[in-house]
N, C-alpha and C. Protein backbone atom coordinates (compact mmCIF):
# COMPACT_ATOMS: atom_id res chain seq x y z
N CYS A 1 100.37 107.34 177.09
CA CYS A 1 99.74 106.66 175.97
C CYS A 1 98.28 107.10 175.85
N ASP A 2 97.64 107.33 176.99
CA ASP A 2 96.25 107.79 176.99
C ASP A 2 96.13 109.16 176.33
N THR A 3 97.10 110.01 176.59
CA THR A 3 97.09 111.36 176.00
C THR A 3 97.25 111.29 174.49
N MET A 4 98.10 110.40 174.01
CA MET A 4 98.29 110.24 172.57
C MET A 4 97.00 109.76 171.91
N ASP A 5 96.29 108.85 172.52
CA ASP A 5 95.01 108.39 171.98
C ASP A 5 94.02 109.53 171.88
N ASN A 6 93.97 110.38 172.90
CA ASN A 6 93.06 111.53 172.87
C ASN A 6 93.43 112.49 171.75
N LEU A 7 94.72 112.71 171.56
CA LEU A 7 95.17 113.59 170.49
C LEU A 7 94.76 113.05 169.12
N LEU A 8 94.96 111.77 168.91
CA LEU A 8 94.61 111.15 167.64
C LEU A 8 93.11 111.21 167.40
N GLN A 9 92.32 111.01 168.43
CA GLN A 9 90.88 111.07 168.28
C GLN A 9 90.43 112.49 167.97
N ASP A 10 91.04 113.48 168.62
CA ASP A 10 90.68 114.87 168.35
C ASP A 10 91.01 115.25 166.91
N GLN A 11 92.16 114.80 166.41
CA GLN A 11 92.54 115.13 165.04
C GLN A 11 91.67 114.40 164.03
N SER A 12 91.31 113.18 164.29
CA SER A 12 90.50 112.44 163.33
C SER A 12 89.05 112.90 163.36
N ALA A 13 88.60 113.51 164.45
CA ALA A 13 87.23 113.99 164.53
C ALA A 13 87.04 115.26 163.72
N SER A 14 88.10 116.01 163.48
CA SER A 14 88.01 117.25 162.73
C SER A 14 87.81 116.95 161.25
N ASP A 15 86.85 117.65 160.63
CA ASP A 15 86.59 117.46 159.21
C ASP A 15 87.54 118.26 158.33
N GLU A 16 88.19 119.26 158.91
CA GLU A 16 89.08 120.11 158.13
C GLU A 16 90.45 119.47 157.98
N PRO A 17 91.04 119.58 156.80
CA PRO A 17 92.43 119.12 156.65
C PRO A 17 93.35 119.93 157.54
N LYS A 18 94.51 119.40 157.84
CA LYS A 18 95.43 120.05 158.76
C LYS A 18 95.85 121.43 158.29
N GLY A 19 95.99 121.65 157.00
CA GLY A 19 96.39 122.95 156.49
C GLY A 19 95.40 124.05 156.77
N MET A 20 94.12 123.69 156.92
CA MET A 20 93.10 124.70 157.14
C MET A 20 93.07 125.18 158.59
N LEU A 21 93.72 124.47 159.46
CA LEU A 21 93.71 124.88 160.86
C LEU A 21 94.48 126.18 161.05
N LEU A 22 95.43 126.46 160.18
CA LEU A 22 96.24 127.65 160.32
C LEU A 22 95.46 128.91 159.97
N LEU A 23 94.80 128.95 158.83
CA LEU A 23 94.13 130.16 158.37
C LEU A 23 92.62 130.02 158.26
N GLY A 24 92.07 128.84 158.47
CA GLY A 24 90.63 128.66 158.36
C GLY A 24 90.18 128.69 156.92
N LYS A 25 88.89 128.95 156.71
CA LYS A 25 88.35 129.00 155.36
C LYS A 25 87.94 130.42 154.97
N GLY A 26 88.29 131.39 155.76
CA GLY A 26 87.85 132.74 155.54
C GLY A 26 88.68 133.52 154.54
N PRO A 27 88.52 134.83 154.55
CA PRO A 27 89.22 135.67 153.57
C PRO A 27 90.74 135.70 153.77
N TYR A 28 91.21 135.48 155.00
CA TYR A 28 92.66 135.49 155.21
C TYR A 28 93.33 134.36 154.45
N ARG A 29 92.70 133.23 154.41
CA ARG A 29 93.24 132.09 153.65
C ARG A 29 93.26 132.41 152.16
N ALA A 30 92.20 133.03 151.68
CA ALA A 30 92.12 133.38 150.27
C ALA A 30 93.17 134.44 149.90
N LEU A 31 93.33 135.43 150.76
CA LEU A 31 94.32 136.47 150.49
C LEU A 31 95.74 135.91 150.52
N PHE A 32 96.00 135.01 151.46
CA PHE A 32 97.31 134.38 151.53
C PHE A 32 97.56 133.51 150.29
N ALA A 33 96.54 132.83 149.82
CA ALA A 33 96.67 132.00 148.62
C ALA A 33 96.97 132.87 147.40
N GLU A 34 96.29 134.00 147.28
CA GLU A 34 96.56 134.91 146.16
C GLU A 34 97.97 135.48 146.24
N PHE A 35 98.39 135.85 147.45
CA PHE A 35 99.75 136.36 147.64
C PHE A 35 100.77 135.31 147.21
N LEU A 36 100.63 134.10 147.72
CA LEU A 36 101.59 133.03 147.38
C LEU A 36 101.53 132.67 145.90
N GLY A 37 100.31 132.64 145.34
CA GLY A 37 100.18 132.30 143.92
C GLY A 37 100.91 133.27 143.02
N THR A 38 100.72 134.57 143.26
CA THR A 38 101.41 135.55 142.41
C THR A 38 102.90 135.60 142.72
N LEU A 39 103.27 135.35 143.97
CA LEU A 39 104.69 135.28 144.31
C LEU A 39 105.36 134.14 143.54
N PHE A 40 104.75 132.96 143.57
CA PHE A 40 105.33 131.82 142.85
C PHE A 40 105.33 132.04 141.34
N PHE A 41 104.27 132.67 140.83
CA PHE A 41 104.22 132.91 139.39
C PHE A 41 105.29 133.92 138.97
N SER A 42 105.51 134.95 139.78
CA SER A 42 106.58 135.90 139.47
C SER A 42 107.94 135.25 139.57
N LEU A 43 108.08 134.34 140.52
CA LEU A 43 109.37 133.70 140.75
C LEU A 43 109.68 132.63 139.71
N PHE A 44 108.69 131.78 139.40
CA PHE A 44 108.95 130.63 138.53
C PHE A 44 108.36 130.77 137.13
N GLY A 45 107.36 131.61 136.95
CA GLY A 45 106.69 131.71 135.66
C GLY A 45 107.47 132.48 134.63
N SER A 46 108.50 133.17 135.04
CA SER A 46 109.26 133.99 134.11
C SER A 46 110.55 133.32 133.64
N GLU A 47 110.69 132.06 133.88
CA GLU A 47 111.88 131.35 133.43
C GLU A 47 111.93 131.32 131.90
N GLU A 48 113.11 131.31 131.35
CA GLU A 48 113.27 131.39 129.91
C GLU A 48 113.29 130.03 129.21
N VAL A 49 113.05 128.97 129.92
CA VAL A 49 113.03 127.64 129.32
C VAL A 49 111.69 127.44 128.64
N GLU A 50 111.72 127.42 127.31
CA GLU A 50 110.49 127.28 126.53
C GLU A 50 109.42 128.20 127.13
N ALA A 51 109.62 129.47 127.03
CA ALA A 51 108.88 130.49 127.78
C ALA A 51 107.37 130.31 127.76
N ALA A 52 106.77 130.16 126.61
CA ALA A 52 105.31 130.09 126.55
C ALA A 52 104.78 128.82 127.20
N LEU A 53 105.40 127.71 126.90
CA LEU A 53 104.94 126.44 127.46
C LEU A 53 105.18 126.38 128.96
N GLY A 54 106.36 126.77 129.39
CA GLY A 54 106.67 126.78 130.82
C GLY A 54 105.79 127.75 131.59
N ASN A 55 105.54 128.93 131.02
CA ASN A 55 104.70 129.92 131.64
C ASN A 55 103.27 129.39 131.80
N GLY A 56 102.76 128.76 130.76
CA GLY A 56 101.41 128.20 130.81
C GLY A 56 101.27 127.09 131.83
N PHE A 57 102.23 126.18 131.86
CA PHE A 57 102.18 125.09 132.85
C PHE A 57 102.30 125.63 134.27
N CYS A 58 103.18 126.59 134.46
CA CYS A 58 103.35 127.19 135.78
C CYS A 58 102.05 127.84 136.24
N LEU A 59 101.41 128.61 135.36
CA LEU A 59 100.16 129.27 135.70
C LEU A 59 99.06 128.25 135.99
N ALA A 60 99.00 127.18 135.20
CA ALA A 60 97.98 126.15 135.43
C ALA A 60 98.15 125.49 136.80
N VAL A 61 99.39 125.19 137.17
CA VAL A 61 99.65 124.57 138.47
C VAL A 61 99.29 125.54 139.60
N ILE A 62 99.64 126.80 139.45
CA ILE A 62 99.35 127.78 140.51
C ILE A 62 97.85 128.01 140.64
N ILE A 63 97.13 128.07 139.53
CA ILE A 63 95.67 128.22 139.60
C ILE A 63 95.06 127.00 140.28
N PHE A 64 95.53 125.82 139.92
CA PHE A 64 95.03 124.60 140.57
C PHE A 64 95.33 124.62 142.06
N MET A 65 96.51 125.12 142.42
CA MET A 65 96.94 125.17 143.81
C MET A 65 96.08 126.12 144.63
N THR A 66 95.67 127.24 144.06
CA THR A 66 94.94 128.26 144.81
C THR A 66 93.43 128.24 144.58
N ALA A 67 92.95 127.40 143.69
CA ALA A 67 91.53 127.43 143.32
C ALA A 67 90.60 127.17 144.50
N ASP A 68 90.93 126.23 145.35
CA ASP A 68 90.05 125.90 146.46
C ASP A 68 90.01 127.02 147.50
N ALA A 69 91.13 127.67 147.71
CA ALA A 69 91.20 128.70 148.75
C ALA A 69 90.61 130.03 148.29
N SER A 70 90.90 130.42 147.04
CA SER A 70 90.54 131.78 146.63
C SER A 70 89.85 131.87 145.28
N GLY A 71 89.72 130.79 144.59
CA GLY A 71 89.16 130.83 143.25
C GLY A 71 90.23 130.86 142.17
N GLY A 72 91.49 130.96 142.58
CA GLY A 72 92.60 130.89 141.63
C GLY A 72 92.68 132.08 140.69
N HIS A 73 92.38 133.27 141.16
CA HIS A 73 92.45 134.45 140.29
C HIS A 73 93.89 134.71 139.85
N VAL A 74 94.80 134.89 140.77
CA VAL A 74 96.23 135.10 140.56
C VAL A 74 96.50 136.21 139.53
N ASN A 75 95.57 137.14 139.36
CA ASN A 75 95.72 138.19 138.37
C ASN A 75 94.71 139.29 138.71
N PRO A 76 95.16 140.52 138.89
CA PRO A 76 94.22 141.60 139.21
C PRO A 76 93.15 141.81 138.15
N ALA A 77 93.44 141.53 136.88
CA ALA A 77 92.43 141.68 135.83
C ALA A 77 91.29 140.68 136.02
N VAL A 78 91.63 139.46 136.41
CA VAL A 78 90.60 138.46 136.67
C VAL A 78 89.76 138.88 137.88
N THR A 79 90.42 139.40 138.90
CA THR A 79 89.70 139.87 140.08
C THR A 79 88.78 141.04 139.73
N LEU A 80 89.26 141.97 138.91
CA LEU A 80 88.42 143.10 138.49
C LEU A 80 87.20 142.61 137.72
N ALA A 81 87.38 141.64 136.84
CA ALA A 81 86.25 141.08 136.10
C ALA A 81 85.25 140.42 137.05
N THR A 82 85.75 139.78 138.09
CA THR A 82 84.87 139.14 139.07
C THR A 82 84.08 140.20 139.85
N ILE A 83 84.70 141.33 140.15
CA ILE A 83 84.01 142.42 140.83
C ILE A 83 82.93 143.00 139.92
N ILE A 84 83.29 143.28 138.67
CA ILE A 84 82.34 143.85 137.72
C ILE A 84 81.17 142.91 137.49
N ASN A 85 81.44 141.62 137.47
CA ASN A 85 80.41 140.60 137.28
C ASN A 85 79.47 140.52 138.48
N GLY A 86 79.90 141.03 139.62
CA GLY A 86 79.08 140.99 140.83
C GLY A 86 79.27 139.75 141.67
N ALA A 87 80.26 138.93 141.32
CA ALA A 87 80.51 137.70 142.07
C ALA A 87 81.38 137.94 143.30
N MET A 88 81.91 139.17 143.44
CA MET A 88 82.78 139.48 144.57
C MET A 88 82.53 140.94 144.98
N THR A 89 82.58 141.19 146.26
CA THR A 89 82.39 142.56 146.74
C THR A 89 83.62 143.40 146.38
N PRO A 90 83.44 144.69 146.15
CA PRO A 90 84.59 145.53 145.82
C PRO A 90 85.66 145.56 146.92
N VAL A 91 85.26 145.53 148.18
CA VAL A 91 86.24 145.57 149.27
C VAL A 91 87.12 144.32 149.24
N LEU A 92 86.50 143.16 149.11
CA LEU A 92 87.28 141.92 149.04
C LEU A 92 88.13 141.89 147.77
N GLY A 93 87.58 142.40 146.68
CA GLY A 93 88.34 142.44 145.43
C GLY A 93 89.57 143.32 145.52
N ILE A 94 89.44 144.47 146.17
CA ILE A 94 90.59 145.34 146.34
C ILE A 94 91.64 144.67 147.24
N ALA A 95 91.17 143.95 148.25
CA ALA A 95 92.11 143.21 149.11
C ALA A 95 92.82 142.12 148.30
N TYR A 96 92.07 141.43 147.42
CA TYR A 96 92.69 140.42 146.55
C TYR A 96 93.76 141.07 145.68
N MET A 97 93.42 142.21 145.07
CA MET A 97 94.37 142.88 144.19
C MET A 97 95.62 143.33 144.95
N ALA A 98 95.43 143.82 146.16
CA ALA A 98 96.59 144.23 146.97
C ALA A 98 97.47 143.02 147.27
N ALA A 99 96.86 141.89 147.63
CA ALA A 99 97.64 140.68 147.91
C ALA A 99 98.37 140.20 146.65
N GLN A 100 97.70 140.29 145.50
CA GLN A 100 98.32 139.86 144.25
C GLN A 100 99.50 140.76 143.88
N LEU A 101 99.31 142.08 144.03
CA LEU A 101 100.40 143.00 143.69
C LEU A 101 101.58 142.84 144.64
N LEU A 102 101.30 142.66 145.92
CA LEU A 102 102.39 142.43 146.88
C LEU A 102 103.09 141.11 146.60
N GLY A 103 102.34 140.08 146.27
CA GLY A 103 102.95 138.79 145.93
C GLY A 103 103.84 138.89 144.71
N GLY A 104 103.37 139.60 143.68
CA GLY A 104 104.19 139.81 142.49
C GLY A 104 105.45 140.59 142.79
N LEU A 105 105.32 141.62 143.62
CA LEU A 105 106.47 142.42 143.99
C LEU A 105 107.50 141.60 144.76
N PHE A 106 107.04 140.85 145.76
CA PHE A 106 107.97 140.04 146.54
C PHE A 106 108.58 138.92 145.70
N GLY A 107 107.81 138.32 144.80
CA GLY A 107 108.36 137.30 143.92
C GLY A 107 109.44 137.85 143.01
N THR A 108 109.22 139.06 142.49
CA THR A 108 110.21 139.70 141.64
C THR A 108 111.47 140.04 142.42
N LEU A 109 111.29 140.54 143.64
CA LEU A 109 112.46 140.87 144.47
C LEU A 109 113.25 139.63 144.84
N ILE A 110 112.55 138.53 145.14
CA ILE A 110 113.25 137.28 145.45
C ILE A 110 114.01 136.79 144.22
N SER A 111 113.36 136.87 143.05
CA SER A 111 114.01 136.45 141.81
C SER A 111 115.24 137.30 141.53
N ALA A 112 115.12 138.61 141.73
CA ALA A 112 116.28 139.50 141.52
C ALA A 112 117.38 139.21 142.53
N GLY A 113 117.00 138.87 143.74
CA GLY A 113 117.99 138.54 144.75
C GLY A 113 118.72 137.25 144.46
N LEU A 114 118.08 136.34 143.77
CA LEU A 114 118.70 135.06 143.43
C LEU A 114 119.49 135.11 142.12
N THR A 115 119.31 136.19 141.36
CA THR A 115 119.98 136.32 140.08
C THR A 115 121.29 137.09 140.28
N PRO A 116 122.41 136.48 139.89
CA PRO A 116 123.69 137.19 140.04
C PRO A 116 123.73 138.46 139.19
N HIS A 117 124.25 139.52 139.74
CA HIS A 117 124.45 140.80 139.07
C HIS A 117 123.14 141.45 138.62
N ALA A 118 122.03 141.13 139.27
CA ALA A 118 120.76 141.75 138.92
C ALA A 118 120.74 143.19 139.41
N LYS A 119 120.15 144.06 138.61
CA LYS A 119 120.01 145.46 138.98
C LYS A 119 118.53 145.77 139.11
N ILE A 120 118.16 146.38 140.21
CA ILE A 120 116.76 146.70 140.46
C ILE A 120 116.60 148.20 140.35
N GLY A 121 115.62 148.62 139.59
CA GLY A 121 115.36 150.04 139.46
C GLY A 121 114.78 150.37 138.10
N TRP A 122 114.38 151.63 137.94
CA TRP A 122 113.79 152.04 136.70
C TRP A 122 114.56 153.19 136.05
N MET A 123 115.67 153.55 136.64
CA MET A 123 116.49 154.60 136.06
C MET A 123 117.31 154.03 134.90
N LYS A 124 117.67 154.88 133.96
CA LYS A 124 118.40 154.42 132.78
C LYS A 124 119.73 153.76 133.13
N ASP A 125 120.38 154.23 134.19
CA ASP A 125 121.66 153.64 134.58
C ASP A 125 121.53 152.21 135.09
N ASN A 126 120.34 151.82 135.51
CA ASN A 126 120.14 150.48 136.08
C ASN A 126 119.68 149.46 135.06
N MET A 127 119.49 149.85 133.83
CA MET A 127 118.96 148.94 132.82
C MET A 127 120.09 148.09 132.22
N GLY A 128 119.81 146.84 132.05
CA GLY A 128 120.73 145.94 131.36
C GLY A 128 121.95 145.57 132.16
N PRO A 129 122.83 144.73 131.56
CA PRO A 129 124.03 144.27 132.25
C PRO A 129 125.10 145.31 132.38
């Protein structure tokens, strides 16, 4: 029982939420947030249910979800504008863009894997049903 009290005191003394203990507040957390944000947007933002409205709501939720960790860019064009503006270093911006592109790629692959009879590729034989 004494050990449990010590554990509870140690957790309550920390100012960081429990989720921040995994990745901290540094660039790894931001890159992971950008990766997950674009993955989720690729996976859920492309649904055909009221496409424009659903896409907009999905993007708004994902930006809100990632805003604290990374600024909620979720788009390489936004990251490029941030670099040009001088609000982000080019090295960090390129890392953001890499995380975003990988997240989009993995989200698309997951979506294709969940879609029956999906064909992946860019050759003419792979297009359409």
